[in-house]
N, C-alpha and C. Protein backbone atom coordinates (compact mmCIF):
# COMPACT_ATOMS: atom_id res chain seq x y z
N MET A 1 28.03 -38.33 -0.82
CA MET A 1 28.71 -38.09 0.42
C MET A 1 28.61 -36.61 0.77
N LYS A 2 28.59 -36.35 2.06
CA LYS A 2 28.56 -34.98 2.57
C LYS A 2 29.70 -34.81 3.56
N TYR A 3 30.12 -33.57 3.72
CA TYR A 3 31.16 -33.23 4.68
C TYR A 3 30.67 -32.13 5.60
N LYS A 4 31.29 -32.06 6.78
CA LYS A 4 31.04 -30.93 7.67
C LYS A 4 32.37 -30.51 8.27
N VAL A 5 32.44 -29.28 8.69
CA VAL A 5 33.63 -28.72 9.32
C VAL A 5 33.29 -28.49 10.78
N ASN A 6 34.08 -29.10 11.68
CA ASN A 6 33.78 -28.96 13.11
C ASN A 6 34.45 -27.72 13.69
N ASP A 7 34.28 -27.53 14.98
CA ASP A 7 34.77 -26.30 15.64
C ASP A 7 36.27 -26.29 15.88
N GLN A 8 36.98 -27.30 15.41
CA GLN A 8 38.43 -27.32 15.52
C GLN A 8 39.11 -26.52 14.40
N CYS A 9 38.31 -26.06 13.43
CA CYS A 9 38.86 -25.32 12.28
C CYS A 9 39.66 -24.11 12.74
N ILE A 10 40.86 -23.96 12.16
CA ILE A 10 41.72 -22.81 12.48
C ILE A 10 41.71 -21.76 11.37
N GLY A 11 40.91 -21.99 10.34
CA GLY A 11 40.78 -21.00 9.27
C GLY A 11 41.96 -20.89 8.35
N CYS A 12 42.69 -21.96 8.14
CA CYS A 12 43.88 -21.90 7.29
C CYS A 12 43.54 -21.75 5.80
N GLY A 13 42.34 -22.18 5.39
CA GLY A 13 41.92 -22.04 4.01
C GLY A 13 42.37 -23.14 3.08
N LEU A 14 43.06 -24.13 3.59
CA LEU A 14 43.56 -25.21 2.74
C LEU A 14 42.42 -25.93 2.02
N CYS A 15 41.35 -26.22 2.73
CA CYS A 15 40.23 -26.96 2.12
C CYS A 15 39.58 -26.14 1.01
N ALA A 16 39.36 -24.85 1.25
CA ALA A 16 38.75 -23.99 0.25
C ALA A 16 39.65 -23.85 -0.98
N GLY A 17 40.95 -23.87 -0.76
CA GLY A 17 41.89 -23.81 -1.88
C GLY A 17 41.95 -25.11 -2.65
N THR A 18 41.78 -26.23 -1.95
CA THR A 18 41.86 -27.55 -2.57
C THR A 18 40.56 -27.90 -3.29
N CYS A 19 39.43 -27.56 -2.69
CA CYS A 19 38.14 -27.93 -3.25
C CYS A 19 37.11 -26.80 -3.04
N PRO A 20 37.23 -25.73 -3.80
CA PRO A 20 36.33 -24.59 -3.61
C PRO A 20 34.87 -24.87 -3.96
N ALA A 21 34.61 -25.96 -4.67
CA ALA A 21 33.22 -26.32 -4.99
C ALA A 21 32.49 -26.83 -3.75
N VAL A 22 33.23 -27.28 -2.75
CA VAL A 22 32.63 -27.87 -1.56
C VAL A 22 32.88 -27.02 -0.32
N PHE A 23 34.06 -26.45 -0.19
CA PHE A 23 34.44 -25.71 1.01
C PHE A 23 34.63 -24.23 0.71
N SER A 24 34.23 -23.39 1.65
CA SER A 24 34.43 -21.96 1.52
C SER A 24 34.73 -21.38 2.90
N MET A 25 35.21 -20.17 2.90
CA MET A 25 35.52 -19.50 4.16
C MET A 25 34.37 -18.57 4.52
N THR A 26 34.03 -18.52 5.78
CA THR A 26 32.94 -17.67 6.26
C THR A 26 33.48 -16.29 6.61
N ASP A 27 32.58 -15.39 6.95
CA ASP A 27 32.98 -14.05 7.40
C ASP A 27 33.76 -14.10 8.70
N ASP A 28 33.62 -15.21 9.46
CA ASP A 28 34.35 -15.40 10.71
C ASP A 28 35.71 -16.05 10.49
N ASP A 29 36.11 -16.18 9.23
CA ASP A 29 37.41 -16.76 8.86
C ASP A 29 37.58 -18.21 9.29
N VAL A 30 36.52 -18.97 9.23
CA VAL A 30 36.59 -20.42 9.39
C VAL A 30 35.92 -21.05 8.17
N ALA A 31 36.20 -22.32 7.96
CA ALA A 31 35.66 -23.00 6.78
C ALA A 31 34.26 -23.53 7.04
N GLU A 32 33.53 -23.69 5.94
CA GLU A 32 32.24 -24.37 5.99
C GLU A 32 32.12 -25.20 4.73
N ALA A 33 31.30 -26.25 4.81
CA ALA A 33 31.08 -27.13 3.67
C ALA A 33 29.68 -26.91 3.13
N ILE A 34 29.50 -27.18 1.85
CA ILE A 34 28.16 -27.10 1.28
C ILE A 34 27.28 -28.11 2.01
N THR A 35 25.99 -27.85 2.04
CA THR A 35 25.08 -28.74 2.76
C THR A 35 24.55 -29.85 1.87
N ASP A 36 24.73 -29.73 0.57
CA ASP A 36 24.26 -30.75 -0.37
C ASP A 36 25.28 -31.87 -0.51
N GLU A 37 24.87 -32.92 -1.19
CA GLU A 37 25.79 -34.00 -1.52
C GLU A 37 26.92 -33.43 -2.38
N VAL A 38 28.12 -33.94 -2.16
CA VAL A 38 29.27 -33.51 -2.96
C VAL A 38 29.09 -34.05 -4.38
N PRO A 39 29.20 -33.19 -5.38
CA PRO A 39 29.09 -33.66 -6.76
C PRO A 39 30.14 -34.75 -7.04
N GLU A 40 29.77 -35.72 -7.82
CA GLU A 40 30.66 -36.86 -8.09
C GLU A 40 32.02 -36.42 -8.61
N ASP A 41 32.05 -35.41 -9.45
CA ASP A 41 33.32 -34.97 -10.03
C ASP A 41 34.18 -34.18 -9.04
N GLU A 42 33.66 -33.90 -7.85
CA GLU A 42 34.41 -33.19 -6.81
C GLU A 42 34.79 -34.08 -5.63
N GLU A 43 34.38 -35.36 -5.67
CA GLU A 43 34.62 -36.25 -4.53
C GLU A 43 36.09 -36.42 -4.20
N ALA A 44 36.93 -36.59 -5.21
CA ALA A 44 38.36 -36.79 -4.97
C ALA A 44 38.99 -35.55 -4.33
N ALA A 45 38.64 -34.38 -4.83
CA ALA A 45 39.20 -33.14 -4.28
C ALA A 45 38.70 -32.91 -2.86
N ALA A 46 37.44 -33.22 -2.59
CA ALA A 46 36.90 -33.06 -1.23
C ALA A 46 37.59 -34.01 -0.26
N ALA A 47 37.83 -35.23 -0.68
CA ALA A 47 38.53 -36.19 0.17
C ALA A 47 39.97 -35.73 0.42
N GLU A 48 40.60 -35.16 -0.60
CA GLU A 48 41.96 -34.64 -0.45
C GLU A 48 41.98 -33.49 0.56
N ALA A 49 40.96 -32.63 0.50
CA ALA A 49 40.86 -31.52 1.44
C ALA A 49 40.71 -32.04 2.86
N MET A 50 39.87 -33.06 3.05
CA MET A 50 39.67 -33.63 4.38
C MET A 50 40.99 -34.24 4.89
N ASP A 51 41.66 -34.99 4.05
CA ASP A 51 42.90 -35.64 4.46
C ASP A 51 44.01 -34.62 4.74
N GLY A 52 43.96 -33.48 4.04
CA GLY A 52 45.01 -32.48 4.19
C GLY A 52 44.78 -31.50 5.32
N CYS A 53 43.61 -31.52 5.94
CA CYS A 53 43.32 -30.57 7.01
C CYS A 53 44.31 -30.76 8.16
N PRO A 54 45.06 -29.71 8.51
CA PRO A 54 46.10 -29.86 9.52
C PRO A 54 45.59 -30.14 10.94
N VAL A 55 44.32 -29.87 11.19
CA VAL A 55 43.79 -30.10 12.54
C VAL A 55 42.65 -31.12 12.55
N GLY A 56 42.39 -31.77 11.42
CA GLY A 56 41.35 -32.79 11.36
C GLY A 56 39.95 -32.25 11.58
N ALA A 57 39.69 -31.03 11.11
CA ALA A 57 38.40 -30.39 11.36
C ALA A 57 37.31 -30.81 10.38
N ILE A 58 37.66 -31.53 9.32
CA ILE A 58 36.67 -31.93 8.32
C ILE A 58 36.28 -33.39 8.59
N GLU A 59 34.98 -33.62 8.64
CA GLU A 59 34.44 -34.95 8.92
C GLU A 59 33.41 -35.31 7.86
N GLU A 60 33.23 -36.60 7.64
CA GLU A 60 32.12 -37.03 6.80
C GLU A 60 30.84 -36.83 7.60
N ALA A 61 29.84 -36.30 6.94
CA ALA A 61 28.57 -36.03 7.63
C ALA A 61 27.55 -37.13 7.35
């Protein structure tokens, strides 16, 4: 599975804090997701980050 962060991101950092293996903050203070498949051992944390996003900016890609 892959994820992407859309332009609704408000830069709260919740996703990067929940799953830093998949999500990180850019120099523009918004989140981005890795472009590769999410490692199997990180799938639960990535899904938690998506579900916890306060503005719904994380989508399955």
